[in-house]
Amino acid sequence: MKIQQFLLPAFLCLAVMAHAQDNQREEAALKALQDYKQLAAMQSDRISAQSLEKTTLGQRIDHQIIGLEDLRGYKTGNDPKSIIRPIKRATYPILDANGVTISSIEIEQVNGKWQPAQLGNRAYVQMFEEVRKANGLKPSDASLVRVPGFNVYFLAREQSGRLEFSLLNESPMADISPRQFIDARTALDRLVPAAQKYNGLPW
C-alpha cells in the first residue's frame, strides 16, 4: 500500500511534466507558423493574405537519428534499433487550405525549452507525407530517421515485426532507391561502407 501511495504521486508528476512539455512544443510550433506567414507575406507577392491565413500545421513528425560513429560500428545482422536514438527535435508540415504540404517548420528543445529551429525545408517533409499516405500509414505508424552526417532522411515503419526504411532523398553514398521500402538492415549495410570511408568533410 505504501509503495502504491508513493508511485501514484510520482506518476502524476511525470504526467503533468509531459503534458507541460507537449503544450510548450505546440506553442513553439504555432509561433514558428506565425513567423512563416510573416516571412512568406514579405517575400512573395503571389501568396495572398487570405491564402496564408488558411495555412495550418500538419501532424508532428518526431526526429530520430543515427550517428556516424554508430553507423561505422554497425555489424551486418545487428538490430537497427540499437543505433537509432530519439532527439528533442520535431518537424511540422505547413498545409494549405487543401491540405497540401507547402512548407515545413522544425523546432528543437534547447536547455529545456522548445523553440523554432528551421523554416522552409519542404522536400523531405513532402516526400514523407506522400510515402506515408501512399502506403496507408497513420501518422503514428511512421517515424523519421535521419543520418545527419550524410543529410539522409528515411521514413521508418514496422512491418510484420520488421523495421523497414524508405529513403526520402537521393543519396550518393548507397544504392538505395527513394520511395521504396527495404529492410532497415539492408539499408544500413549499404551505408556502412560510406560511413567508414567518410573523412568528415562536406559532401
N, C-alpha and C. Protein backbone atom coordinates (compact mmCIF):
# COMPACT_ATOMS: atom_id res chain seq x y z
N MET A 1 0.84 -1.21 0.00
CA MET A 1 0.00 0.00 0.00
C MET A 1 0.87 1.26 0.00
N LYS A 2 1.96 1.23 0.82
CA LYS A 2 2.84 2.38 0.88
C LYS A 2 3.53 2.62 -0.46
N ILE A 3 3.87 1.50 -1.14
CA ILE A 3 4.52 1.62 -2.44
C ILE A 3 3.57 2.28 -3.43
N GLN A 4 2.30 1.86 -3.41
CA GLN A 4 1.31 2.45 -4.30
C GLN A 4 1.12 3.94 -4.01
N GLN A 5 1.12 4.28 -2.72
CA GLN A 5 0.96 5.68 -2.33
C GLN A 5 2.13 6.53 -2.81
N PHE A 6 3.32 5.92 -2.90
CA PHE A 6 4.49 6.64 -3.39
C PHE A 6 4.48 6.75 -4.91
N LEU A 7 4.11 5.67 -5.59
CA LEU A 7 4.16 5.62 -7.05
C LEU A 7 3.12 6.53 -7.69
N LEU A 8 1.96 6.63 -7.11
CA LEU A 8 0.88 7.42 -7.73
C LEU A 8 1.25 8.90 -7.87
N PRO A 9 1.73 9.57 -6.79
CA PRO A 9 2.14 10.97 -6.95
C PRO A 9 3.27 11.12 -7.96
N ALA A 10 4.22 10.16 -7.96
CA ALA A 10 5.35 10.23 -8.90
C ALA A 10 4.84 10.13 -10.33
N PHE A 11 3.89 9.21 -10.55
CA PHE A 11 3.33 9.03 -11.89
C PHE A 11 2.58 10.29 -12.33
N LEU A 12 1.80 10.86 -11.42
CA LEU A 12 1.05 12.07 -11.74
C LEU A 12 1.99 13.23 -12.05
N CYS A 13 3.10 13.31 -11.32
CA CYS A 13 4.08 14.37 -11.55
C CYS A 13 4.69 14.25 -12.95
N LEU A 14 5.03 13.01 -13.34
CA LEU A 14 5.60 12.78 -14.67
C LEU A 14 4.58 13.12 -15.76
N ALA A 15 3.32 12.77 -15.52
CA ALA A 15 2.27 13.05 -16.49
C ALA A 15 2.08 14.55 -16.67
N VAL A 16 2.11 15.28 -15.57
CA VAL A 16 1.96 16.73 -15.63
C VAL A 16 3.14 17.35 -16.38
N MET A 17 4.35 16.87 -16.12
CA MET A 17 5.53 17.39 -16.79
C MET A 17 5.47 17.12 -18.29
N ALA A 18 5.04 15.91 -18.65
CA ALA A 18 4.94 15.55 -20.07
C ALA A 18 3.90 16.41 -20.77
N HIS A 19 2.79 16.65 -20.08
CA HIS A 19 1.73 17.49 -20.66
C HIS A 19 2.24 18.92 -20.86
N ALA A 20 3.00 19.41 -19.89
CA ALA A 20 3.55 20.77 -20.00
C ALA A 20 4.52 20.86 -21.17
N GLN A 21 5.33 19.81 -21.35
CA GLN A 21 6.27 19.78 -22.47
C GLN A 21 5.52 19.76 -23.81
N ASP A 22 4.43 18.98 -23.87
CA ASP A 22 3.61 18.93 -25.09
C ASP A 22 3.05 20.30 -25.40
N ASN A 23 2.54 20.98 -24.38
CA ASN A 23 1.97 22.32 -24.58
C ASN A 23 3.04 23.30 -25.07
N GLN A 24 4.22 23.23 -24.47
CA GLN A 24 5.29 24.14 -24.85
C GLN A 24 5.74 23.86 -26.29
N ARG A 25 5.78 22.60 -26.66
CA ARG A 25 6.17 22.23 -28.02
C ARG A 25 5.17 22.75 -29.03
N GLU A 26 3.87 22.59 -28.72
CA GLU A 26 2.84 23.07 -29.63
C GLU A 26 2.86 24.59 -29.74
N GLU A 27 3.11 25.26 -28.63
CA GLU A 27 3.18 26.73 -28.65
C GLU A 27 4.35 27.20 -29.51
N ALA A 28 5.49 26.51 -29.41
CA ALA A 28 6.65 26.87 -30.23
C ALA A 28 6.36 26.66 -31.70
N ALA A 29 5.63 25.59 -32.02
CA ALA A 29 5.28 25.31 -33.41
C ALA A 29 4.33 26.36 -33.96
N LEU A 30 3.36 26.76 -33.17
CA LEU A 30 2.41 27.79 -33.61
C LEU A 30 3.10 29.13 -33.79
N LYS A 31 4.05 29.44 -32.92
CA LYS A 31 4.81 30.68 -33.08
C LYS A 31 5.62 30.64 -34.38
N ALA A 32 6.23 29.50 -34.66
CA ALA A 32 7.00 29.35 -35.89
C ALA A 32 6.10 29.48 -37.12
N LEU A 33 4.87 29.00 -37.01
CA LEU A 33 3.92 29.14 -38.13
C LEU A 33 3.63 30.61 -38.39
N GLN A 34 3.47 31.39 -37.33
CA GLN A 34 3.24 32.82 -37.49
C GLN A 34 4.46 33.50 -38.13
N ASP A 35 5.65 33.07 -37.73
CA ASP A 35 6.87 33.61 -38.33
C ASP A 35 6.91 33.29 -39.82
N TYR A 36 6.52 32.06 -40.15
CA TYR A 36 6.49 31.66 -41.56
C TYR A 36 5.53 32.54 -42.36
N LYS A 37 4.35 32.79 -41.81
CA LYS A 37 3.35 33.60 -42.51
C LYS A 37 3.88 35.01 -42.77
N GLN A 38 4.56 35.57 -41.78
CA GLN A 38 5.10 36.92 -41.93
C GLN A 38 6.19 36.96 -42.99
N LEU A 39 7.09 35.97 -42.97
CA LEU A 39 8.16 35.93 -43.96
C LEU A 39 7.60 35.70 -45.36
N ALA A 40 6.65 34.77 -45.47
CA ALA A 40 6.07 34.48 -46.78
C ALA A 40 5.35 35.69 -47.35
N ALA A 41 4.69 36.45 -46.50
CA ALA A 41 3.96 37.64 -46.95
C ALA A 41 4.93 38.70 -47.46
N MET A 42 6.10 38.80 -46.85
CA MET A 42 7.08 39.80 -47.27
C MET A 42 7.85 39.38 -48.53
N GLN A 43 8.05 38.07 -48.69
CA GLN A 43 8.93 37.60 -49.75
C GLN A 43 8.21 37.22 -51.04
N SER A 44 6.90 37.09 -51.02
CA SER A 44 6.19 36.66 -52.22
C SER A 44 4.94 37.49 -52.43
N ASP A 45 4.79 37.98 -53.65
CA ASP A 45 3.57 38.71 -53.98
C ASP A 45 2.53 37.80 -54.63
N ARG A 46 2.88 36.50 -54.72
CA ARG A 46 1.95 35.55 -55.32
C ARG A 46 1.06 34.88 -54.28
N ILE A 47 1.41 35.02 -53.01
CA ILE A 47 0.63 34.40 -51.94
C ILE A 47 -0.24 35.48 -51.30
N SER A 48 -1.53 35.28 -51.38
CA SER A 48 -2.44 36.28 -50.83
C SER A 48 -2.50 36.14 -49.31
N ALA A 49 -2.88 37.23 -48.67
CA ALA A 49 -3.03 37.21 -47.21
C ALA A 49 -4.08 36.19 -46.81
N GLN A 50 -5.12 36.06 -47.63
CA GLN A 50 -6.18 35.11 -47.32
C GLN A 50 -5.67 33.68 -47.39
N SER A 51 -4.82 33.38 -48.39
CA SER A 51 -4.25 32.04 -48.50
C SER A 51 -3.35 31.73 -47.31
N LEU A 52 -2.52 32.71 -46.93
CA LEU A 52 -1.63 32.49 -45.80
C LEU A 52 -2.40 32.27 -44.51
N GLU A 53 -3.49 32.98 -44.36
CA GLU A 53 -4.28 32.85 -43.14
C GLU A 53 -4.87 31.46 -42.99
N LYS A 54 -5.05 30.77 -44.12
CA LYS A 54 -5.65 29.43 -44.09
C LYS A 54 -4.63 28.32 -43.90
N THR A 55 -3.34 28.67 -43.87
CA THR A 55 -2.34 27.64 -43.66
C THR A 55 -2.42 27.12 -42.22
N THR A 56 -2.17 25.84 -42.08
CA THR A 56 -2.24 25.18 -40.78
C THR A 56 -1.05 24.24 -40.61
N LEU A 57 -0.89 23.74 -39.40
CA LEU A 57 0.15 22.76 -39.13
C LEU A 57 -0.38 21.35 -39.33
N GLY A 58 0.45 20.50 -39.94
CA GLY A 58 0.10 19.09 -40.07
C GLY A 58 0.54 18.31 -38.84
N GLN A 59 0.46 16.99 -38.94
CA GLN A 59 0.83 16.13 -37.83
C GLN A 59 2.33 16.22 -37.54
N ARG A 60 2.67 16.27 -36.27
CA ARG A 60 4.06 16.36 -35.85
C ARG A 60 4.85 15.13 -36.27
N ILE A 61 6.08 15.36 -36.73
CA ILE A 61 6.99 14.27 -37.09
C ILE A 61 8.19 14.35 -36.16
N ASP A 62 8.30 13.42 -35.24
CA ASP A 62 9.43 13.42 -34.30
C ASP A 62 10.69 12.88 -34.99
N HIS A 63 11.83 13.42 -34.62
CA HIS A 63 13.10 13.04 -35.23
C HIS A 63 13.81 11.96 -34.42
N GLN A 64 14.40 11.02 -35.15
CA GLN A 64 15.35 10.08 -34.58
C GLN A 64 16.60 10.13 -35.45
N ILE A 65 17.74 9.85 -34.88
CA ILE A 65 18.96 9.95 -35.68
C ILE A 65 19.83 8.70 -35.53
N ILE A 66 20.70 8.54 -36.53
CA ILE A 66 21.76 7.54 -36.50
C ILE A 66 23.07 8.30 -36.66
N GLY A 67 23.91 8.28 -35.64
CA GLY A 67 25.18 8.98 -35.70
C GLY A 67 26.19 8.24 -36.56
N LEU A 68 27.15 8.98 -37.12
CA LEU A 68 28.14 8.35 -38.00
C LEU A 68 29.00 7.32 -37.26
N GLU A 69 29.36 7.62 -36.02
CA GLU A 69 30.18 6.66 -35.27
C GLU A 69 29.41 5.37 -35.03
N ASP A 70 28.13 5.49 -34.71
CA ASP A 70 27.31 4.30 -34.52
C ASP A 70 27.16 3.54 -35.83
N LEU A 71 27.03 4.28 -36.94
CA LEU A 71 26.90 3.63 -38.25
C LEU A 71 28.18 2.91 -38.63
N ARG A 72 29.33 3.53 -38.34
CA ARG A 72 30.62 2.88 -38.62
C ARG A 72 30.76 1.56 -37.88
N GLY A 73 30.21 1.53 -36.66
CA GLY A 73 30.34 0.33 -35.84
C GLY A 73 29.25 -0.71 -36.06
N TYR A 74 28.30 -0.40 -36.93
CA TYR A 74 27.19 -1.33 -37.15
C TYR A 74 27.66 -2.58 -37.88
N LYS A 75 27.23 -3.74 -37.40
CA LYS A 75 27.60 -5.02 -37.99
C LYS A 75 26.38 -5.66 -38.66
N THR A 76 26.60 -6.28 -39.81
CA THR A 76 25.53 -6.95 -40.53
C THR A 76 24.78 -7.91 -39.62
N GLY A 77 23.46 -7.80 -39.62
CA GLY A 77 22.63 -8.68 -38.80
C GLY A 77 22.25 -8.10 -37.46
N ASN A 78 22.92 -7.02 -37.04
CA ASN A 78 22.56 -6.39 -35.77
C ASN A 78 21.17 -5.76 -35.86
N ASP A 79 20.57 -5.53 -34.73
CA ASP A 79 19.26 -4.87 -34.68
C ASP A 79 19.45 -3.39 -35.01
N PRO A 80 18.82 -2.88 -36.09
CA PRO A 80 18.97 -1.46 -36.44
C PRO A 80 18.56 -0.52 -35.30
N LYS A 81 17.59 -0.95 -34.49
CA LYS A 81 17.12 -0.10 -33.40
C LYS A 81 18.21 0.19 -32.37
N SER A 82 19.25 -0.64 -32.37
CA SER A 82 20.32 -0.45 -31.39
C SER A 82 21.13 0.80 -31.65
N ILE A 83 21.06 1.35 -32.87
CA ILE A 83 21.84 2.57 -33.16
C ILE A 83 20.92 3.75 -33.53
N ILE A 84 19.63 3.59 -33.35
CA ILE A 84 18.68 4.69 -33.60
C ILE A 84 18.32 5.31 -32.26
N ARG A 85 18.45 6.62 -32.17
CA ARG A 85 18.10 7.26 -30.90
C ARG A 85 17.24 8.51 -31.15
N PRO A 86 16.26 8.73 -30.28
CA PRO A 86 15.41 9.93 -30.43
C PRO A 86 16.17 11.18 -30.01
N ILE A 87 15.80 12.31 -30.59
CA ILE A 87 16.36 13.59 -30.18
C ILE A 87 15.20 14.57 -29.97
N LYS A 88 15.51 15.66 -29.28
CA LYS A 88 14.48 16.66 -28.98
C LYS A 88 14.32 17.62 -30.16
N ARG A 89 13.82 17.09 -31.24
CA ARG A 89 13.59 17.89 -32.46
C ARG A 89 12.37 17.32 -33.17
N ALA A 90 11.57 18.19 -33.76
CA ALA A 90 10.36 17.75 -34.43
C ALA A 90 10.08 18.64 -35.63
N THR A 91 9.41 18.07 -36.62
CA THR A 91 9.01 18.81 -37.82
C THR A 91 7.50 18.83 -37.92
N TYR A 92 6.97 19.96 -38.34
CA TYR A 92 5.54 20.08 -38.63
C TYR A 92 5.38 20.49 -40.10
N PRO A 93 4.64 19.72 -40.90
CA PRO A 93 4.32 20.19 -42.24
C PRO A 93 3.44 21.44 -42.15
N ILE A 94 3.60 22.36 -43.08
CA ILE A 94 2.71 23.50 -43.21
C ILE A 94 1.78 23.21 -44.38
N LEU A 95 0.50 23.19 -44.11
CA LEU A 95 -0.50 22.78 -45.10
C LEU A 95 -1.30 23.97 -45.60
N ASP A 96 -1.63 23.95 -46.90
CA ASP A 96 -2.51 25.00 -47.42
C ASP A 96 -3.96 24.62 -47.14
N ALA A 97 -4.89 25.39 -47.67
CA ALA A 97 -6.31 25.16 -47.38
C ALA A 97 -6.79 23.81 -47.87
N ASN A 98 -6.08 23.22 -48.85
CA ASN A 98 -6.47 21.91 -49.40
C ASN A 98 -5.72 20.75 -48.75
N GLY A 99 -4.94 21.06 -47.72
CA GLY A 99 -4.20 20.01 -47.02
C GLY A 99 -2.92 19.59 -47.71
N VAL A 100 -2.45 20.37 -48.68
CA VAL A 100 -1.22 20.07 -49.41
C VAL A 100 -0.03 20.68 -48.66
N THR A 101 1.05 19.90 -48.54
CA THR A 101 2.25 20.40 -47.86
C THR A 101 2.94 21.44 -48.73
N ILE A 102 3.03 22.67 -48.23
CA ILE A 102 3.67 23.74 -48.99
C ILE A 102 4.99 24.18 -48.37
N SER A 103 5.24 23.79 -47.15
CA SER A 103 6.50 24.11 -46.49
C SER A 103 6.56 23.32 -45.19
N SER A 104 7.49 23.68 -44.33
CA SER A 104 7.60 22.98 -43.05
C SER A 104 8.33 23.86 -42.05
N ILE A 105 8.19 23.50 -40.79
CA ILE A 105 8.96 24.14 -39.73
C ILE A 105 9.58 23.05 -38.87
N GLU A 106 10.74 23.35 -38.33
CA GLU A 106 11.37 22.45 -37.37
C GLU A 106 11.53 23.20 -36.06
N ILE A 107 11.28 22.50 -34.98
CA ILE A 107 11.52 23.06 -33.66
C ILE A 107 12.41 22.10 -32.88
N GLU A 108 13.12 22.64 -31.91
CA GLU A 108 14.01 21.81 -31.11
C GLU A 108 13.99 22.29 -29.66
N GLN A 109 14.37 21.40 -28.79
CA GLN A 109 14.43 21.73 -27.37
C GLN A 109 15.86 22.08 -27.00
N VAL A 110 16.05 23.31 -26.52
CA VAL A 110 17.37 23.79 -26.11
C VAL A 110 17.28 24.25 -24.66
N ASN A 111 18.12 23.66 -23.82
CA ASN A 111 18.11 23.99 -22.38
C ASN A 111 16.71 23.86 -21.79
N GLY A 112 15.99 22.81 -22.20
CA GLY A 112 14.68 22.52 -21.65
C GLY A 112 13.53 23.30 -22.26
N LYS A 113 13.83 24.16 -23.24
CA LYS A 113 12.78 24.99 -23.83
C LYS A 113 12.68 24.75 -25.33
N TRP A 114 11.44 24.53 -25.80
CA TRP A 114 11.22 24.32 -27.22
C TRP A 114 11.23 25.66 -27.95
N GLN A 115 11.89 25.69 -29.12
CA GLN A 115 11.99 26.91 -29.89
C GLN A 115 12.13 26.59 -31.38
N PRO A 116 11.76 27.53 -32.26
CA PRO A 116 11.91 27.30 -33.71
C PRO A 116 13.37 27.08 -34.07
N ALA A 117 13.61 26.15 -35.00
CA ALA A 117 14.98 25.84 -35.42
C ALA A 117 15.20 26.09 -36.90
N GLN A 118 14.19 25.81 -37.73
CA GLN A 118 14.36 25.97 -39.17
C GLN A 118 13.01 26.14 -39.84
N LEU A 119 12.98 26.98 -40.86
CA LEU A 119 11.77 27.19 -41.65
C LEU A 119 12.03 26.82 -43.10
N GLY A 120 11.03 26.20 -43.74
CA GLY A 120 11.03 26.12 -45.19
C GLY A 120 11.65 24.92 -45.86
N ASN A 121 12.08 23.87 -45.14
CA ASN A 121 12.62 22.68 -45.79
C ASN A 121 11.48 21.75 -46.16
N ARG A 122 10.95 21.92 -47.36
CA ARG A 122 9.74 21.21 -47.75
C ARG A 122 10.00 19.82 -48.32
N ALA A 123 11.12 19.64 -49.03
CA ALA A 123 11.30 18.46 -49.86
C ALA A 123 11.11 17.13 -49.12
N TYR A 124 11.87 16.92 -48.02
CA TYR A 124 11.77 15.62 -47.36
C TYR A 124 10.43 15.46 -46.64
N VAL A 125 9.85 16.59 -46.17
CA VAL A 125 8.55 16.51 -45.49
C VAL A 125 7.45 16.14 -46.48
N GLN A 126 7.51 16.74 -47.65
CA GLN A 126 6.53 16.44 -48.68
C GLN A 126 6.63 14.97 -49.08
N MET A 127 7.85 14.48 -49.25
CA MET A 127 8.06 13.08 -49.60
C MET A 127 7.59 12.17 -48.47
N PHE A 128 7.88 12.55 -47.23
CA PHE A 128 7.44 11.77 -46.07
C PHE A 128 5.93 11.58 -46.11
N GLU A 129 5.20 12.67 -46.31
CA GLU A 129 3.74 12.60 -46.32
C GLU A 129 3.23 11.81 -47.52
N GLU A 130 3.87 11.95 -48.67
CA GLU A 130 3.44 11.22 -49.86
C GLU A 130 3.64 9.72 -49.67
N VAL A 131 4.79 9.33 -49.15
CA VAL A 131 5.07 7.90 -48.93
C VAL A 131 4.15 7.34 -47.86
N ARG A 132 3.96 8.11 -46.79
CA ARG A 132 3.08 7.64 -45.70
C ARG A 132 1.67 7.38 -46.21
N LYS A 133 1.12 8.34 -46.93
CA LYS A 133 -0.25 8.22 -47.41
C LYS A 133 -0.38 7.14 -48.48
N ALA A 134 0.63 7.04 -49.37
CA ALA A 134 0.58 6.05 -50.45
C ALA A 134 0.59 4.62 -49.90
N ASN A 135 1.16 4.44 -48.71
CA ASN A 135 1.23 3.11 -48.10
C ASN A 135 0.19 2.91 -47.00
N GLY A 136 -0.75 3.85 -46.92
CA GLY A 136 -1.84 3.71 -45.95
C GLY A 136 -1.40 3.75 -44.51
N LEU A 137 -0.33 4.49 -44.20
CA LEU A 137 0.19 4.55 -42.84
C LEU A 137 -0.42 5.71 -42.08
N LYS A 138 -0.87 5.47 -40.88
CA LYS A 138 -1.30 6.55 -40.00
C LYS A 138 -0.06 7.28 -39.49
N PRO A 139 -0.20 8.54 -39.07
CA PRO A 139 0.96 9.27 -38.54
C PRO A 139 1.68 8.51 -37.44
N SER A 140 0.93 7.80 -36.62
CA SER A 140 1.55 7.06 -35.51
C SER A 140 2.29 5.81 -35.99
N ASP A 141 2.06 5.40 -37.24
CA ASP A 141 2.72 4.21 -37.79
C ASP A 141 4.02 4.54 -38.51
N ALA A 142 4.32 5.82 -38.67
CA ALA A 142 5.51 6.22 -39.43
C ALA A 142 6.38 7.13 -38.58
N SER A 143 7.68 7.00 -38.72
CA SER A 143 8.60 7.88 -38.00
C SER A 143 9.73 8.29 -38.93
N LEU A 144 10.42 9.35 -38.54
CA LEU A 144 11.52 9.88 -39.34
C LEU A 144 12.84 9.49 -38.70
N VAL A 145 13.72 8.90 -39.52
CA VAL A 145 15.07 8.54 -39.06
C VAL A 145 16.06 9.26 -39.96
N ARG A 146 16.94 10.06 -39.36
CA ARG A 146 17.93 10.84 -40.11
C ARG A 146 19.33 10.32 -39.85
N VAL A 147 20.17 10.44 -40.88
CA VAL A 147 21.62 10.27 -40.72
C VAL A 147 22.20 11.65 -41.01
N PRO A 148 22.30 12.51 -39.98
CA PRO A 148 22.67 13.92 -40.21
C PRO A 148 24.00 14.10 -40.94
N GLY A 149 24.97 13.24 -40.67
CA GLY A 149 26.28 13.37 -41.30
C GLY A 149 26.23 13.26 -42.80
N PHE A 150 25.25 12.53 -43.31
CA PHE A 150 25.09 12.34 -44.75
C PHE A 150 23.88 13.10 -45.31
N ASN A 151 23.17 13.82 -44.44
CA ASN A 151 21.94 14.50 -44.86
C ASN A 151 20.96 13.53 -45.49
N VAL A 152 20.80 12.38 -44.88
CA VAL A 152 19.90 11.33 -45.37
C VAL A 152 18.67 11.25 -44.47
N TYR A 153 17.50 11.11 -45.11
CA TYR A 153 16.24 11.02 -44.39
C TYR A 153 15.52 9.73 -44.78
N PHE A 154 15.05 8.99 -43.78
CA PHE A 154 14.26 7.79 -44.02
C PHE A 154 12.89 7.92 -43.35
N LEU A 155 11.87 7.38 -43.98
CA LEU A 155 10.62 7.09 -43.27
C LEU A 155 10.73 5.65 -42.79
N ALA A 156 10.48 5.44 -41.52
CA ALA A 156 10.58 4.10 -40.93
C ALA A 156 9.20 3.59 -40.56
N ARG A 157 8.99 2.29 -40.78
CA ARG A 157 7.75 1.64 -40.38
C ARG A 157 8.05 0.23 -39.90
N GLU A 158 7.15 -0.30 -39.09
CA GLU A 158 7.22 -1.69 -38.64
C GLU A 158 6.31 -2.52 -39.53
N GLN A 159 6.86 -3.58 -40.12
CA GLN A 159 6.08 -4.46 -40.99
C GLN A 159 6.31 -5.90 -40.57
N SER A 160 5.27 -6.51 -40.01
CA SER A 160 5.37 -7.91 -39.54
C SER A 160 6.54 -8.09 -38.58
N GLY A 161 6.69 -7.12 -37.67
CA GLY A 161 7.74 -7.21 -36.68
C GLY A 161 9.12 -6.83 -37.17
N ARG A 162 9.20 -6.35 -38.42
CA ARG A 162 10.49 -5.99 -39.01
C ARG A 162 10.52 -4.50 -39.32
N LEU A 163 11.64 -3.86 -39.00
CA LEU A 163 11.78 -2.43 -39.27
C LEU A 163 12.18 -2.23 -40.72
N GLU A 164 11.47 -1.35 -41.42
CA GLU A 164 11.75 -1.05 -42.82
C GLU A 164 11.97 0.44 -43.01
N PHE A 165 12.83 0.78 -43.97
CA PHE A 165 13.13 2.17 -44.30
C PHE A 165 12.71 2.47 -45.74
N SER A 166 12.23 3.71 -45.93
CA SER A 166 12.03 4.23 -47.28
C SER A 166 12.83 5.53 -47.38
N LEU A 167 13.78 5.58 -48.32
CA LEU A 167 14.62 6.76 -48.48
C LEU A 167 13.79 7.92 -49.01
N LEU A 168 13.98 9.10 -48.41
CA LEU A 168 13.18 10.27 -48.79
C LEU A 168 13.94 11.27 -49.65
N ASN A 169 15.23 11.04 -49.85
CA ASN A 169 16.01 11.94 -50.71
C ASN A 169 17.12 11.14 -51.40
N GLU A 170 17.57 11.63 -52.54
CA GLU A 170 18.63 10.96 -53.26
C GLU A 170 19.89 10.90 -52.41
N SER A 171 20.57 9.75 -52.46
CA SER A 171 21.78 9.59 -51.66
C SER A 171 22.92 9.09 -52.54
N PRO A 172 24.04 9.83 -52.60
CA PRO A 172 25.18 9.38 -53.39
C PRO A 172 26.00 8.31 -52.69
N MET A 173 25.67 8.02 -51.42
CA MET A 173 26.50 7.11 -50.63
C MET A 173 26.13 5.64 -50.77
N ALA A 174 24.93 5.35 -51.25
CA ALA A 174 24.50 3.95 -51.27
C ALA A 174 23.48 3.72 -52.38
N ASP A 175 23.37 2.49 -52.78
CA ASP A 175 22.44 2.11 -53.84
C ASP A 175 21.06 1.85 -53.22
N ILE A 176 20.35 2.93 -52.93
CA ILE A 176 19.02 2.83 -52.33
C ILE A 176 18.08 3.72 -53.14
N SER A 177 16.99 3.14 -53.62
CA SER A 177 16.03 3.91 -54.42
C SER A 177 15.03 4.61 -53.50
N PRO A 178 14.79 5.90 -53.73
CA PRO A 178 13.80 6.61 -52.92
C PRO A 178 12.41 6.02 -53.08
N ARG A 179 11.60 6.22 -52.04
CA ARG A 179 10.19 5.84 -52.00
C ARG A 179 9.95 4.35 -51.80
N GLN A 180 10.91 3.49 -52.03
CA GLN A 180 10.70 2.05 -51.91
C GLN A 180 11.15 1.56 -50.55
N PHE A 181 10.34 0.74 -49.90
CA PHE A 181 10.70 0.21 -48.59
C PHE A 181 11.65 -0.98 -48.74
N ILE A 182 12.70 -0.96 -47.94
CA ILE A 182 13.60 -2.10 -47.84
C ILE A 182 13.86 -2.37 -46.37
N ASP A 183 14.34 -3.56 -46.08
CA ASP A 183 14.67 -3.91 -44.70
C ASP A 183 15.69 -2.90 -44.17
N ALA A 184 15.48 -2.42 -42.96
CA ALA A 184 16.40 -1.44 -42.36
C ALA A 184 17.82 -1.98 -42.29
N ARG A 185 17.95 -3.29 -42.05
CA ARG A 185 19.29 -3.89 -42.00
C ARG A 185 20.01 -3.73 -43.35
N THR A 186 19.26 -3.95 -44.44
CA THR A 186 19.84 -3.82 -45.78
C THR A 186 20.26 -2.38 -46.04
N ALA A 187 19.40 -1.42 -45.65
CA ALA A 187 19.72 -0.01 -45.84
C ALA A 187 21.00 0.36 -45.10
N LEU A 188 21.13 -0.10 -43.86
CA LEU A 188 22.32 0.23 -43.07
C LEU A 188 23.56 -0.45 -43.63
N ASP A 189 23.40 -1.69 -44.09
CA ASP A 189 24.54 -2.39 -44.70
C ASP A 189 25.10 -1.60 -45.88
N ARG A 190 24.21 -0.94 -46.62
CA ARG A 190 24.64 -0.19 -47.81
C ARG A 190 25.26 1.16 -47.45
N LEU A 191 24.95 1.66 -46.26
CA LEU A 191 25.51 2.95 -45.82
C LEU A 191 26.81 2.81 -45.04
N VAL A 192 27.02 1.64 -44.43
CA VAL A 192 28.20 1.45 -43.58
C VAL A 192 29.52 1.70 -44.32
N PRO A 193 29.71 1.16 -45.54
CA PRO A 193 31.00 1.41 -46.23
C PRO A 193 31.29 2.89 -46.42
N ALA A 194 30.27 3.67 -46.79
CA ALA A 194 30.47 5.11 -46.96
C ALA A 194 30.82 5.77 -45.63
N ALA A 195 30.18 5.32 -44.55
CA ALA A 195 30.46 5.88 -43.23
C ALA A 195 31.90 5.58 -42.80
N GLN A 196 32.38 4.39 -43.12
CA GLN A 196 33.73 4.01 -42.73
C GLN A 196 34.80 4.77 -43.51
N LYS A 197 34.45 5.19 -44.73
CA LYS A 197 35.40 5.94 -45.57
C LYS A 197 35.30 7.44 -45.37
N TYR A 198 34.22 7.88 -44.75
CA TYR A 198 33.94 9.33 -44.67
C TYR A 198 34.99 10.04 -43.85
N ASN A 199 35.54 11.13 -44.39
CA ASN A 199 36.61 11.86 -43.72
C ASN A 199 36.14 13.06 -42.92
N GLY A 200 34.81 13.27 -42.85
CA GLY A 200 34.27 14.37 -42.07
C GLY A 200 34.11 15.66 -42.81
N LEU A 201 34.57 15.72 -44.06
CA LEU A 201 34.43 16.94 -44.84
C LEU A 201 33.07 16.99 -45.51
N PRO A 202 32.57 18.20 -45.84
CA PRO A 202 31.26 18.31 -46.51
C PRO A 202 31.25 17.56 -47.83
N TRP A 203 30.08 17.00 -48.17
CA TRP A 203 29.95 16.30 -49.44
C TRP A 203 29.87 17.29 -50.58
